[in-house]
């Protein structure tokens, strides 16, 4: 019946997820705990300076807070602080 599809669906879905999860695990092992590296010099020469500034003025992620701290800054660029937080 229809439930006979479930094991093969689970196997194919698991195999399809392996490259993505494996790539993130490999990048965390190679790039000091960062799951993906970005090339930042293609937009503007000040991109690295802006990225460092945002990391120093932002809030840490769960990974940076509890598992591994980041040596470049204490925050993640995805949780930026507002002007009210900078007092």
Protein backbone atom coordinates (compact mmCIF):
# COMPACT_ATOMS: atom_id res chain seq x y z
CA UNK A 1 0.00 0.00 0.00
CA UNK A 2 1.01 3.65 0.29
CA UNK A 3 3.20 3.21 3.40
CA UNK A 4 5.59 1.01 1.42
CA UNK A 5 6.94 4.25 -0.10
CA UNK A 6 8.13 5.61 3.28
CA UNK A 7 11.38 3.60 3.63
CA UNK A 8 12.55 4.38 0.11
CA UNK A 9 11.56 8.06 0.54
CA UNK A 10 13.57 8.24 3.78
CA UNK A 11 16.61 6.63 2.14
CA UNK A 12 16.57 8.94 -0.88
CA UNK A 13 15.99 12.04 1.27
CA UNK A 14 18.86 11.05 3.57
CA UNK A 15 21.21 10.49 0.66
CA UNK A 16 20.23 13.85 -0.87
CA UNK A 17 21.01 15.65 2.43
CA UNK A 18 24.47 14.12 2.86
CA UNK A 19 26.41 16.50 0.55
CA UNK A 20 24.95 19.61 2.20
CA UNK A 21 25.53 18.45 5.76
CA UNK A 22 28.93 16.99 4.86
CA UNK A 23 30.02 20.28 3.29
CA UNK A 24 28.99 22.24 6.37
CA UNK A 25 30.82 19.78 8.64
CA UNK A 26 33.94 19.94 6.48
CA UNK A 27 33.90 23.75 6.47
CA UNK A 28 33.46 23.85 10.27
CA UNK A 29 36.48 21.57 10.63
CA UNK A 30 38.67 23.49 8.17
CA UNK A 31 37.58 27.12 8.69
CA UNK A 32 37.65 27.39 12.53
CA UNK A 33 34.00 26.59 13.16
CA UNK A 34 32.47 28.73 10.41
CA UNK A 35 30.04 26.69 8.29
CA UNK A 36 30.60 28.72 5.12
CA UNK A 37 33.28 31.09 3.91
CA UNK A 38 32.47 34.09 1.74
CA UNK A 39 34.66 36.03 -0.64
CA UNK A 40 34.19 39.63 0.48
CA UNK A 41 36.60 41.57 -1.70
CA UNK A 42 34.51 41.46 -4.88
CA UNK A 43 32.03 44.19 -3.85
CA UNK A 44 34.12 46.93 -2.33
CA UNK A 45 37.60 47.16 -0.82
CA UNK A 46 36.06 48.20 2.51
CA UNK A 47 33.95 45.02 2.80
CA UNK A 48 36.39 43.32 5.19
CA UNK A 49 36.49 46.40 7.42
CA UNK A 50 32.69 46.59 7.44
CA UNK A 51 32.45 42.89 8.23
CA UNK A 52 34.87 43.22 11.18
CA UNK A 53 32.96 46.25 12.45
CA UNK A 54 29.65 44.41 12.29
CA UNK A 55 31.10 41.40 14.12
CA UNK A 56 32.43 43.59 16.93
CA UNK A 57 29.19 45.54 17.37
CA UNK A 58 26.69 42.70 17.13
CA UNK A 59 25.19 40.03 19.35
CA UNK A 60 26.69 36.52 19.41
CA UNK A 61 24.91 33.53 17.90
CA UNK A 62 24.22 30.37 19.91
CA UNK A 63 27.28 28.72 18.34
CA UNK A 64 29.55 31.62 19.32
CA UNK A 65 28.03 31.98 22.77
CA UNK A 66 28.03 28.40 24.03
CA UNK A 67 30.26 26.28 21.80
CA UNK A 68 33.11 28.27 20.30
CA UNK A 69 33.95 31.93 20.54
CA UNK A 70 35.14 33.79 17.46
CA UNK A 71 38.56 35.42 17.59
CA UNK A 72 37.71 38.15 15.08
CA UNK A 73 34.79 39.49 17.08
CA UNK A 74 32.18 38.51 19.60
CA UNK A 75 29.11 38.60 17.37
CA UNK A 76 27.52 37.51 14.15
CA UNK A 77 26.79 39.86 11.28
CA UNK A 78 23.24 38.48 11.08
CA UNK A 79 22.25 39.89 14.50
CA UNK A 80 23.43 43.47 14.20
CA UNK A 81 23.01 45.91 17.04
CA UNK A 82 20.85 49.00 16.53
CA UNK A 83 21.78 52.53 17.48
CA UNK A 84 19.91 52.12 20.77
CA UNK A 85 22.16 49.15 21.68
CA UNK A 86 25.36 51.14 21.14
CA UNK A 87 24.96 53.41 24.19
